[in-house]
Amino acid sequence: MQIPPTQEVDTEAVTPSSAAGVGRRIFVDCTKTYFFGGGTGIQRVVTELARHASTAGQEINVSCSPVVWMGWGFLEIGEHSVDRNPRARVLGESLRRTVLALVKFIKRHSGSSTKPQVENDPRPKRSGRGAGIVSALARCLFVVLSLIALPKSWLQFRFVRFQRDDVLLLPDANWSNMIPWVALENIKKHGAGLVSVMHDILPVRVPDTFEPSLVSRFTNWLNWACRNLDAMVCVSEATQADLNTYFKEQQLRHTPRLGAFRLGCNPNQRNASPRPHIVKQLESIAATPCCLCVGTLEPRKNHQLLLDACEQLWESGHEFGLVIVGKIGWRCDEIMHRMAKHSQLGNNLHLFHDLNDSELDLAYGSATVVIMPSMAEGLGLPIVEALRRKKPVIASHIPPHREAGGDGCFYFDPQDSADLSRHIVSVLNGGRPQGFNQSKQRDLPDWRSSTCELLCTVDQLLPLSHVGQATGRHRAHRLVSKSSLSQTKRSRATRDKIRN
């Protein structure tokens, strides 16, 4: 099948359709992050987008509100409440485990199974008398969670009734099946649009680095998304290009429209007080030069090679610390065991698995250099966060990192620990990348500007009265409101450097 050519959009000549005075409503789904938490990666993006949704929407004359799924519909929440609900998250995790245990019990005793998917319907079909019970339990979970965590929203009857030209924006981990696909399809029947923020498609690109169950869920979701979403907005041009390639590989006739926006960073933003013992640890670590690595512990993050490189330097007499910040992920037993038994643990090697925003900010402040050794990424948010804090960065040489860091970073072969060791020594001795000083003045957006870019891109991809109609594959470069144009505009020369 022939894929229609990508259409370029002149973003400097385009303003939001709503800028002419015609408002529209965009709802930002935060369900998984709101009820189950998480402070790194996707969860941090969701939290920041929700926090700035209302303000950014006002700048471009659209109504933008964060929402959560509550069992049979969506409920509006306050924009500042996404990261301030420890009660909901503790309760959510407890109830989730209870429901999962019940689901496993029901499947075991009811003969419920999953049939192979058919070509035109990627949703896994459940059979057996337990299927209805499983669905009901999932709905009850969110009803209970929303009643307890959001009683005021229930009392105020802040339920969303979707209408034509509305947009439901899905920036969270949508493949986790928090929201029934049939519910999303019903939203489209009301003339509203569905748009997903695409962080990456790594589970289908490097499946060996993920749990098989996640790969299966993500693949099913991506198949459904390609057929049902109106648009996808990517966190990098590298991810957008990867999706373009995926569409061609799958020979899809009709696909969502594509766009991209830049992730933001707000240094020194503190939404929770740092714990005294963490402050004391970080102050002690900062007394000597140290390297910081931020990211979930999982195979593709390449912590093994990072530790190899640091061990080589420690053994040769170099004095510096290595701070690893990230929650425990999957397939990380080997690296966890290696670090737990390491002779430098507590001396030059330090691990943190649950830092809040304030503590993470202190960790960045304590670092001499930030290292991103990943073998695959959608973007590499810590690179942006480090450069915003004027910290040198050593990153693996992969396209998303080149896009995020430009010529303001050192780059190394993610298969070569000696290459990384050389760059660490260079930075510890005062060396800086050739473009580092210029990178400090680079156009790195804060989260308000990032949210504006995202909303403008959504507004351009789905013009008023045309939502709900994914009729082809299009590409929209970053769009910005007039009020934030000076802060978010990038020159074509800079883009050419990044791509090369």
Protein backbone atom coordinates (compact mmCIF):
# COMPACT_ATOMS: atom_id res chain seq x y z
CA MET A 1 0.00 0.00 0.00
CA GLN A 2 1.18 3.52 -0.71
CA ILE A 3 1.36 5.91 2.21
CA PRO A 4 0.41 9.51 1.35
CA PRO A 5 3.38 11.88 1.57
CA THR A 6 3.93 13.73 4.82
CA GLN A 7 2.53 17.24 4.72
CA GLU A 8 4.66 20.04 6.18
CA VAL A 9 2.96 22.73 8.25
CA ASP A 10 4.40 26.23 8.36
CA THR A 11 4.14 26.81 12.08
CA GLU A 12 5.22 30.42 11.89
CA ALA A 13 2.15 31.20 9.78
CA VAL A 14 -0.32 29.26 11.86
CA THR A 15 -2.17 30.28 15.00
CA PRO A 16 -4.63 28.14 16.93
CA SER A 17 -8.08 27.90 15.44
CA SER A 18 -9.40 28.99 18.79
CA ALA A 19 -7.29 32.16 18.69
CA ALA A 20 -9.91 33.77 16.49
CA GLY A 21 -12.21 33.80 19.50
CA VAL A 22 -13.82 30.41 19.08
CA GLY A 23 -13.11 28.44 22.25
CA ARG A 24 -12.82 24.70 22.47
CA ARG A 25 -12.44 22.26 25.35
CA ILE A 26 -9.39 20.02 25.83
CA PHE A 27 -9.41 17.50 28.67
CA VAL A 28 -6.12 16.02 29.92
CA ASP A 29 -6.42 12.47 31.26
CA CYS A 30 -4.32 11.83 34.41
CA THR A 31 -5.98 8.62 35.64
CA LYS A 32 -2.99 6.33 36.17
CA THR A 33 -0.68 8.98 37.60
CA TYR A 34 -3.38 10.44 39.85
CA PHE A 35 -4.43 7.16 41.45
CA PHE A 36 -1.17 5.20 41.36
CA GLY A 37 1.56 7.84 41.45
CA GLY A 38 5.14 7.88 40.24
CA GLY A 39 7.57 10.81 40.07
CA THR A 40 9.82 10.07 37.09
CA GLY A 41 9.42 9.75 33.33
CA ILE A 42 5.86 9.65 32.08
CA GLN A 43 4.34 10.41 35.48
CA ARG A 44 6.35 13.63 35.78
CA VAL A 45 5.22 14.72 32.31
CA VAL A 46 1.57 14.00 33.16
CA THR A 47 1.81 15.87 36.46
CA GLU A 48 3.34 18.97 34.86
CA LEU A 49 0.90 19.04 31.94
CA ALA A 50 -2.02 18.80 34.36
CA ARG A 51 -0.57 21.49 36.60
CA HIS A 52 -0.19 23.98 33.75
CA ALA A 53 -3.23 22.97 31.69
CA SER A 54 -5.56 25.73 32.81
CA THR A 55 -3.01 28.57 32.56
CA ALA A 56 -1.69 27.43 29.20
CA GLY A 57 -5.22 27.02 27.89
CA GLN A 58 -6.07 30.61 28.82
CA GLU A 59 -3.04 31.85 26.89
CA ILE A 60 -4.29 30.34 23.65
CA ASN A 61 -8.00 30.81 24.39
CA VAL A 62 -9.03 27.20 24.96
CA SER A 63 -10.56 25.62 28.02
CA CYS A 64 -8.20 22.96 29.34
CA SER A 65 -8.85 20.80 32.41
CA PRO A 66 -7.28 17.65 33.91
CA VAL A 67 -9.67 14.70 34.29
CA VAL A 68 -9.67 11.13 35.63
CA TRP A 69 -11.68 8.05 34.68
CA MET A 70 -14.19 7.21 37.43
CA GLY A 71 -15.70 3.94 36.24
CA TRP A 72 -18.27 5.04 33.69
CA GLY A 73 -17.14 8.53 32.72
CA PHE A 74 -14.61 11.28 33.35
CA LEU A 75 -14.47 13.59 36.35
CA GLU A 76 -12.78 17.00 36.38
CA ILE A 77 -10.13 17.58 39.05
CA GLY A 78 -8.18 20.64 40.16
CA GLU A 79 -5.01 21.35 38.21
CA HIS A 80 -2.89 21.43 41.38
CA SER A 81 -4.18 18.19 42.84
CA VAL A 82 -2.41 15.62 40.65
CA ASP A 83 0.73 15.47 42.79
CA ARG A 84 -0.94 16.17 46.13
CA ASN A 85 -3.01 13.08 46.71
CA PRO A 86 -0.99 10.60 48.81
CA ARG A 87 -4.24 9.21 50.23
CA ALA A 88 -5.52 8.34 46.76
CA ARG A 89 -2.24 6.72 45.75
CA VAL A 90 -1.88 4.58 48.87
CA LEU A 91 -5.51 3.52 48.61
CA GLY A 92 -5.23 3.05 44.86
CA GLU A 93 -2.28 0.69 45.12
CA SER A 94 -3.95 -1.36 47.86
CA LEU A 95 -7.22 -1.66 45.95
CA ARG A 96 -5.40 -2.40 42.70
CA ARG A 97 -3.58 -5.35 44.26
CA THR A 98 -6.83 -6.63 45.76
CA VAL A 99 -8.65 -6.41 42.43
CA LEU A 100 -5.76 -8.09 40.58
CA ALA A 101 -5.82 -10.96 43.07
CA LEU A 102 -9.57 -11.34 42.57
CA VAL A 103 -9.17 -11.21 38.78
CA LYS A 104 -6.54 -13.98 38.86
CA PHE A 105 -8.80 -16.06 41.08
CA ILE A 106 -11.79 -15.56 38.77
CA LYS A 107 -9.78 -16.41 35.65
CA ARG A 108 -8.40 -19.53 37.29
CA HIS A 109 -11.83 -20.84 38.25
CA SER A 110 -14.03 -19.56 35.44
CA GLY A 111 -12.17 -20.65 32.32
CA SER A 112 -11.83 -17.05 31.16
CA SER A 113 -9.26 -16.72 28.38
CA THR A 114 -7.94 -14.33 25.78
CA LYS A 115 -8.58 -15.14 22.12
CA PRO A 116 -6.11 -14.23 19.39
CA GLN A 117 -6.82 -10.81 17.91
CA VAL A 118 -8.30 -10.47 14.45
CA GLU A 119 -6.97 -8.17 11.76
CA ASN A 120 -9.60 -5.44 11.97
CA ASP A 121 -10.09 -5.46 15.72
CA PRO A 122 -6.90 -5.43 17.78
CA ARG A 123 -8.70 -5.63 21.12
CA PRO A 124 -8.18 -8.90 22.96
CA LYS A 125 -11.53 -10.68 23.23
CA ARG A 126 -12.32 -12.29 26.54
CA SER A 127 -14.45 -15.35 26.76
CA GLY A 128 -15.79 -17.30 29.70
CA ARG A 129 -18.29 -16.41 32.36
CA GLY A 130 -15.69 -14.47 34.39
CA ALA A 131 -15.19 -11.75 31.76
CA GLY A 132 -18.16 -9.68 32.90
CA ILE A 133 -17.09 -9.95 36.53
CA VAL A 134 -13.57 -8.78 35.69
CA SER A 135 -14.93 -5.74 33.85
CA ALA A 136 -17.28 -4.92 36.73
CA LEU A 137 -14.46 -5.18 39.27
CA ALA A 138 -12.33 -2.75 37.25
CA ARG A 139 -15.20 -0.26 37.11
CA CYS A 140 -15.87 -0.60 40.84
CA LEU A 141 -12.18 0.06 41.57
CA PHE A 142 -12.31 3.48 39.92
CA VAL A 143 -15.72 4.35 41.35
CA VAL A 144 -14.43 3.71 44.88
CA LEU A 145 -11.15 5.52 44.25
CA SER A 146 -12.81 8.61 42.79
CA LEU A 147 -15.46 8.74 45.53
CA ILE A 148 -12.83 8.69 48.27
CA ALA A 149 -10.20 10.87 46.60
CA LEU A 150 -12.54 13.38 44.89
CA PRO A 151 -15.70 13.75 47.02
CA LYS A 152 -15.97 17.46 46.22
CA SER A 153 -15.94 16.81 42.46
CA TRP A 154 -18.70 14.22 42.92
CA LEU A 155 -20.79 16.60 45.04
CA GLN A 156 -20.31 19.39 42.49
CA PHE A 157 -21.27 16.93 39.74
CA ARG A 158 -18.19 17.76 37.67
CA PHE A 159 -18.73 14.96 35.19
CA VAL A 160 -17.64 15.59 31.61
CA ARG A 161 -20.20 15.39 28.82
CA PHE A 162 -18.24 15.30 25.61
CA GLN A 163 -19.51 17.21 22.60
CA ARG A 164 -18.39 18.08 19.10
CA ASP A 165 -14.93 19.71 18.85
CA ASP A 166 -13.91 18.60 22.33
CA VAL A 167 -10.58 16.78 22.62
CA LEU A 168 -9.53 14.12 25.13
CA LEU A 169 -5.74 14.26 25.45
CA LEU A 170 -4.10 11.04 26.66
CA PRO A 171 -0.56 11.70 27.97
CA ASP A 172 -0.47 8.88 30.54
CA ALA A 173 0.52 5.21 30.18
CA ASN A 174 -2.57 4.42 28.10
CA TRP A 175 -1.52 0.84 27.36
CA SER A 176 -2.15 -0.01 31.02
CA ASN A 177 -5.84 -0.35 30.09
CA MET A 178 -7.05 2.00 32.81
CA ILE A 179 -9.81 3.26 30.53
CA PRO A 180 -11.95 0.77 28.53
CA TRP A 181 -11.40 1.21 24.82
CA VAL A 182 -15.13 1.09 24.18
CA ALA A 183 -15.51 4.17 26.41
CA LEU A 184 -12.99 6.06 24.27
CA GLU A 185 -14.75 4.94 21.10
CA ASN A 186 -18.03 6.25 22.50
CA ILE A 187 -16.42 9.65 23.06
CA LYS A 188 -15.62 9.78 19.34
CA LYS A 189 -19.27 9.05 18.55
CA HIS A 190 -20.13 12.38 20.18
CA GLY A 191 -17.84 14.19 17.72
CA ALA A 192 -14.93 14.63 20.12
CA GLY A 193 -11.33 13.89 19.19
CA LEU A 194 -8.86 11.49 20.75
CA VAL A 195 -5.18 12.49 20.90
CA SER A 196 -2.35 10.61 22.57
CA VAL A 197 1.00 11.96 23.72
CA MET A 198 3.53 9.45 22.38
CA HIS A 199 6.56 9.08 24.62
CA ASP A 200 8.06 6.31 22.49
CA ILE A 201 7.24 2.96 20.87
CA LEU A 202 10.15 1.12 22.43
CA PRO A 203 8.16 -1.97 23.53
CA VAL A 204 7.73 -2.85 19.85
CA ARG A 205 11.26 -1.72 18.88
CA VAL A 206 13.30 -3.32 21.66
CA PRO A 207 10.87 -5.86 23.18
CA ASP A 208 13.65 -7.88 24.80
CA THR A 209 14.19 -5.05 27.31
CA PHE A 210 10.60 -5.17 28.59
CA GLU A 211 8.42 -7.69 30.37
CA PRO A 212 6.46 -9.86 27.87
CA SER A 213 3.14 -8.84 29.45
CA LEU A 214 3.93 -5.15 28.89
CA VAL A 215 5.01 -5.79 25.31
CA SER A 216 1.72 -7.59 24.67
CA ARG A 217 -0.39 -4.82 26.22
CA PHE A 218 1.50 -2.08 24.42
CA THR A 219 1.32 -3.84 21.04
CA ASN A 220 -2.44 -4.37 21.37
CA TRP A 221 -2.92 -0.77 22.44
CA LEU A 222 -0.76 0.61 19.59
CA ASN A 223 -2.72 -1.43 17.03
CA TRP A 224 -5.96 -0.04 18.45
CA ALA A 225 -4.54 3.50 18.64
CA CYS A 226 -3.41 3.53 15.01
CA ARG A 227 -6.99 2.77 13.96
CA ASN A 228 -8.92 4.92 16.41
CA LEU A 229 -6.91 7.96 17.50
CA ASP A 230 -7.30 11.19 15.57
CA ALA A 231 -3.76 12.37 16.29
CA MET A 232 -0.54 11.52 18.11
CA VAL A 233 1.75 14.22 19.48
CA CYS A 234 5.29 12.98 20.12
CA VAL A 235 7.76 14.17 22.76
CA SER A 236 10.52 14.37 20.15
CA GLU A 237 11.01 14.50 16.42
CA ALA A 238 12.95 11.25 16.73
CA THR A 239 9.86 9.50 18.11
CA GLN A 240 7.75 11.10 15.40
CA ALA A 241 10.11 9.77 12.73
CA ASP A 242 10.01 6.33 14.36
CA LEU A 243 6.21 6.34 14.22
CA ASN A 244 6.32 7.37 10.56
CA THR A 245 8.54 4.39 9.89
CA TYR A 246 6.28 2.09 11.91
CA PHE A 247 3.24 3.19 9.88
CA LYS A 248 5.05 2.32 6.67
CA GLU A 249 6.24 -1.01 8.02
CA GLN A 250 2.70 -1.95 8.99
CA GLN A 251 1.35 -0.70 5.63
CA LEU A 252 -1.48 1.16 7.33
CA ARG A 253 -3.92 2.89 5.02
CA HIS A 254 -5.39 5.30 7.58
CA THR A 255 -3.33 6.51 10.51
CA PRO A 256 -3.49 9.31 13.09
CA ARG A 257 -2.09 12.71 12.25
CA LEU A 258 1.34 13.32 13.76
CA GLY A 259 2.95 16.25 15.53
CA ALA A 260 5.67 16.93 18.07
CA PHE A 261 6.34 19.23 20.99
CA ARG A 262 9.18 19.84 23.42
CA LEU A 263 9.13 18.71 27.03
CA GLY A 264 9.76 21.37 29.64
CA CYS A 265 11.63 21.81 32.87
CA ASN A 266 11.16 24.11 35.86
CA PRO A 267 14.36 24.14 37.95
CA ASN A 268 13.98 24.81 41.67
CA GLN A 269 10.26 24.02 41.58
CA ARG A 270 9.48 22.43 44.92
CA ASN A 271 6.06 20.90 45.53
CA ALA A 272 7.02 18.96 48.65
CA SER A 273 9.57 19.57 51.39
CA PRO A 274 12.76 17.51 51.23
CA ARG A 275 13.22 14.98 54.02
CA PRO A 276 15.98 15.98 56.47
CA HIS A 277 17.90 12.70 56.19
CA ILE A 278 17.90 12.96 52.38
CA VAL A 279 19.16 16.55 52.57
CA LYS A 280 21.97 15.43 54.88
CA GLN A 281 22.96 12.59 52.53
CA LEU A 282 23.00 14.83 49.46
CA GLU A 283 25.00 17.53 51.23
CA SER A 284 27.59 14.93 52.19
CA ILE A 285 27.73 13.60 48.62
CA ALA A 286 28.20 17.13 47.23
CA ALA A 287 31.42 17.53 49.22
CA THR A 288 33.24 15.66 46.41
CA PRO A 289 32.69 15.56 42.63
CA CYS A 290 29.85 13.24 41.68
CA CYS A 291 28.03 11.87 38.64
CA LEU A 292 24.22 11.70 38.62
CA CYS A 293 22.09 9.23 36.64
CA VAL A 294 18.28 9.63 36.71
CA GLY A 295 16.02 6.91 35.34
CA THR A 296 14.06 3.78 36.19
CA LEU A 297 16.18 0.69 36.79
CA GLU A 298 15.51 -1.41 33.67
CA PRO A 299 17.74 -3.03 31.02
CA ARG A 300 17.64 -0.35 28.32
CA LYS A 301 18.81 2.33 30.78
CA ASN A 302 22.24 0.68 30.62
CA HIS A 303 23.17 0.95 34.31
CA GLN A 304 25.49 -2.05 33.95
CA LEU A 305 27.75 -0.19 31.52
CA LEU A 306 27.64 2.94 33.69
CA LEU A 307 28.83 0.94 36.69
CA ASP A 308 31.53 -0.72 34.56
CA ALA A 309 32.88 2.69 33.54
CA CYS A 310 32.90 4.02 37.10
CA GLU A 311 34.57 0.89 38.46
CA GLN A 312 37.38 1.30 35.94
CA LEU A 313 38.01 4.82 37.23
CA TRP A 314 37.70 3.95 40.92
CA GLU A 315 40.21 1.14 40.49
CA SER A 316 42.65 3.53 38.81
CA GLY A 317 42.48 5.95 41.74
CA HIS A 318 39.91 8.57 40.67
CA GLU A 319 37.86 10.00 43.52
CA PHE A 320 34.23 10.80 42.71
CA GLY A 321 30.74 9.64 43.59
CA LEU A 322 28.03 8.00 41.52
CA VAL A 323 24.42 8.79 42.45
CA ILE A 324 21.69 6.68 40.82
CA VAL A 325 18.13 7.96 41.17
CA GLY A 326 15.22 5.87 39.90
CA LYS A 327 12.47 3.55 40.96
CA ILE A 328 12.97 -0.20 40.70
CA GLY A 329 11.61 -1.37 37.36
CA TRP A 330 11.72 -4.74 35.62
CA ARG A 331 14.42 -7.25 34.75
CA CYS A 332 16.80 -5.44 37.07
CA ASP A 333 17.59 -8.21 39.57
CA GLU A 334 21.15 -8.56 38.29
CA ILE A 335 22.07 -4.88 38.55
CA MET A 336 20.29 -4.56 41.91
CA HIS A 337 22.23 -7.51 43.30
CA ARG A 338 25.49 -6.13 41.90
CA MET A 339 24.96 -2.72 43.52
CA ALA A 340 23.72 -4.16 46.83
CA LYS A 341 26.95 -6.17 47.17
CA HIS A 342 29.24 -3.44 45.81
CA SER A 343 32.26 -2.47 47.90
CA GLN A 344 31.65 1.23 47.13
CA LEU A 345 28.01 1.25 48.26
CA GLY A 346 27.61 4.04 50.81
CA ASN A 347 31.04 5.45 49.96
CA ASN A 348 31.21 6.39 46.29
CA LEU A 349 28.01 4.62 45.17
CA HIS A 350 24.63 5.97 46.31
CA LEU A 351 21.12 4.76 45.41
CA PHE A 352 17.79 6.60 45.78
CA HIS A 353 14.51 5.02 44.69
CA ASP A 354 11.83 7.42 45.99
CA LEU A 355 13.00 11.04 45.75
CA ASN A 356 10.31 13.72 45.52
CA ASP A 357 10.64 16.79 43.29
CA SER A 358 12.47 18.86 45.90
CA GLU A 359 14.94 16.08 46.63
CA LEU A 360 15.54 15.44 42.93
CA ASP A 361 16.26 19.14 42.50
CA LEU A 362 18.83 18.92 45.30
CA ALA A 363 20.37 15.87 43.62
CA TYR A 364 20.79 17.83 40.39
CA GLY A 365 22.31 20.66 42.38
CA SER A 366 24.82 18.28 44.00
CA ALA A 367 25.96 16.80 40.69
CA THR A 368 29.14 17.67 38.85
CA VAL A 369 27.85 15.98 35.70
CA VAL A 370 24.64 14.20 34.63
CA ILE A 371 25.02 10.92 32.70
CA MET A 372 22.39 9.38 30.40
CA PRO A 373 23.73 5.97 29.27
CA SER A 374 20.47 4.62 27.76
CA MET A 375 20.52 2.34 24.73
CA ALA A 376 17.06 3.56 23.62
CA GLU A 377 14.84 6.51 24.61
CA GLY A 378 11.88 8.53 23.46
CA LEU A 379 13.68 11.75 24.37
CA GLY A 380 15.75 11.79 27.57
CA LEU A 381 14.10 14.29 29.91
CA PRO A 382 17.06 14.36 32.39
CA ILE A 383 19.17 15.92 29.62
CA VAL A 384 16.75 18.84 29.41
CA GLU A 385 16.59 19.10 33.18
CA ALA A 386 20.38 19.11 33.49
CA LEU A 387 20.93 21.73 30.78
CA ARG A 388 18.27 23.97 32.32
CA ARG A 389 20.31 23.77 35.54
CA LYS A 390 23.54 24.54 33.61
CA LYS A 391 24.99 21.11 34.37
CA PRO A 392 27.26 19.33 31.86
CA VAL A 393 25.81 16.15 30.36
CA ILE A 394 27.39 12.95 29.06
CA ALA A 395 24.83 11.04 26.97
CA SER A 396 24.78 7.95 24.79
CA HIS A 397 24.94 8.72 21.08
CA ILE A 398 21.34 8.00 20.02
CA PRO A 399 19.07 10.30 17.94
CA PRO A 400 16.68 11.35 20.77
CA HIS A 401 19.63 12.40 22.95
CA ARG A 402 21.16 14.38 20.09
CA GLU A 403 17.83 16.15 19.67
CA ALA A 404 17.51 16.93 23.38
CA GLY A 405 21.11 17.99 23.94
CA GLY A 406 22.29 19.36 20.60
CA ASP A 407 25.99 20.17 20.69
CA GLY A 408 25.84 21.03 24.40
CA CYS A 409 26.61 17.45 25.52
CA PHE A 410 29.41 14.92 25.32
CA TYR A 411 28.27 11.77 23.48
CA PHE A 412 29.62 8.24 23.81
CA ASP A 413 29.09 4.79 22.34
CA PRO A 414 26.51 3.05 24.61
CA GLN A 415 28.35 -0.24 24.05
CA ASP A 416 31.78 1.09 25.10
CA SER A 417 32.42 1.64 28.82
CA ALA A 418 35.94 2.93 28.13
CA ASP A 419 34.50 5.68 25.94
CA LEU A 420 32.24 6.75 28.80
CA SER A 421 35.17 6.62 31.26
CA ARG A 422 37.18 9.02 29.08
CA HIS A 423 34.37 11.55 29.04
CA ILE A 424 33.85 11.30 32.82
CA VAL A 425 37.55 12.05 33.40
CA SER A 426 37.35 14.97 30.98
CA VAL A 427 34.40 16.56 32.80
CA LEU A 428 35.89 15.95 36.25
CA ASN A 429 39.02 17.77 35.03
CA GLY A 430 36.95 20.77 33.97
CA GLY A 431 36.33 19.86 30.34
CA ARG A 432 33.10 20.95 28.71
CA PRO A 433 31.44 20.12 25.36
CA GLN A 434 32.21 22.57 22.57
CA GLY A 435 28.69 23.97 22.55
CA PHE A 436 28.10 23.91 26.32
CA ASN A 437 28.25 27.66 26.90
CA GLN A 438 25.86 28.25 24.03
CA SER A 439 23.58 25.51 25.34
CA LYS A 440 23.08 27.50 28.53
CA GLN A 441 21.31 30.10 26.40
CA ARG A 442 19.49 27.47 24.34
CA ASP A 443 15.79 27.77 23.89
CA LEU A 444 14.79 25.25 26.59
CA PRO A 445 11.12 25.70 27.48
CA ASP A 446 9.64 25.65 30.95
CA TRP A 447 6.56 23.49 31.55
CA ARG A 448 4.11 26.32 30.90
CA SER A 449 5.60 26.94 27.46
CA SER A 450 5.78 23.20 26.82
CA THR A 451 2.09 22.82 27.64
CA CYS A 452 1.27 25.73 25.34
CA GLU A 453 3.17 24.04 22.51
CA LEU A 454 1.29 20.81 23.08
CA LEU A 455 -2.14 22.46 23.14
CA CYS A 456 -1.38 24.54 20.05
CA THR A 457 -0.20 21.43 18.21
CA VAL A 458 -3.40 19.58 19.15
CA ASP A 459 -5.48 22.55 18.04
CA GLN A 460 -3.68 22.66 14.68
CA LEU A 461 -3.85 18.92 14.06
CA LEU A 462 -7.60 18.83 14.76
CA PRO A 463 -9.21 21.98 13.34
CA LEU A 464 -12.61 22.90 14.74
CA SER A 465 -15.46 20.79 13.31
CA HIS A 466 -12.97 18.26 11.97
CA VAL A 467 -12.21 16.25 15.07
CA GLY A 468 -13.10 12.60 15.16
CA GLN A 469 -11.99 12.19 11.53
CA ALA A 470 -8.52 10.65 11.23
CA THR A 471 -8.35 10.68 7.43
CA GLY A 472 -4.65 10.49 6.81
CA ARG A 473 -1.19 10.90 8.19
CA HIS A 474 0.04 14.45 8.63
CA ARG A 475 2.92 16.06 10.37
CA ALA A 476 2.76 19.30 12.34
CA HIS A 477 5.93 20.84 13.64
CA ARG A 478 5.91 22.67 16.94
CA LEU A 479 3.27 25.35 17.27
CA VAL A 480 3.47 28.19 19.73
CA SER A 481 1.14 30.91 20.91
CA LYS A 482 2.10 34.49 20.13
CA SER A 483 2.68 35.17 23.82
CA SER A 484 5.30 32.44 24.09
CA LEU A 485 6.76 32.63 20.56
CA SER A 486 9.99 34.34 21.61
CA GLN A 487 10.64 31.68 24.23
CA THR A 488 9.87 28.58 22.16
CA LYS A 489 11.00 29.40 18.59
CA ARG A 490 14.00 27.45 17.27
CA SER A 491 16.05 28.40 14.23
CA ARG A 492 16.23 26.10 11.22
CA ALA A 493 20.04 26.08 11.57
CA THR A 494 19.77 24.64 15.07
CA ARG A 495 17.36 21.95 13.85
CA ASP A 496 19.75 21.03 11.04
CA LYS A 497 22.59 20.62 13.54
CA ILE A 498 20.48 18.40 15.76
CA ARG A 499 19.38 16.18 12.87
CA ASN A 500 22.94 15.83 11.64
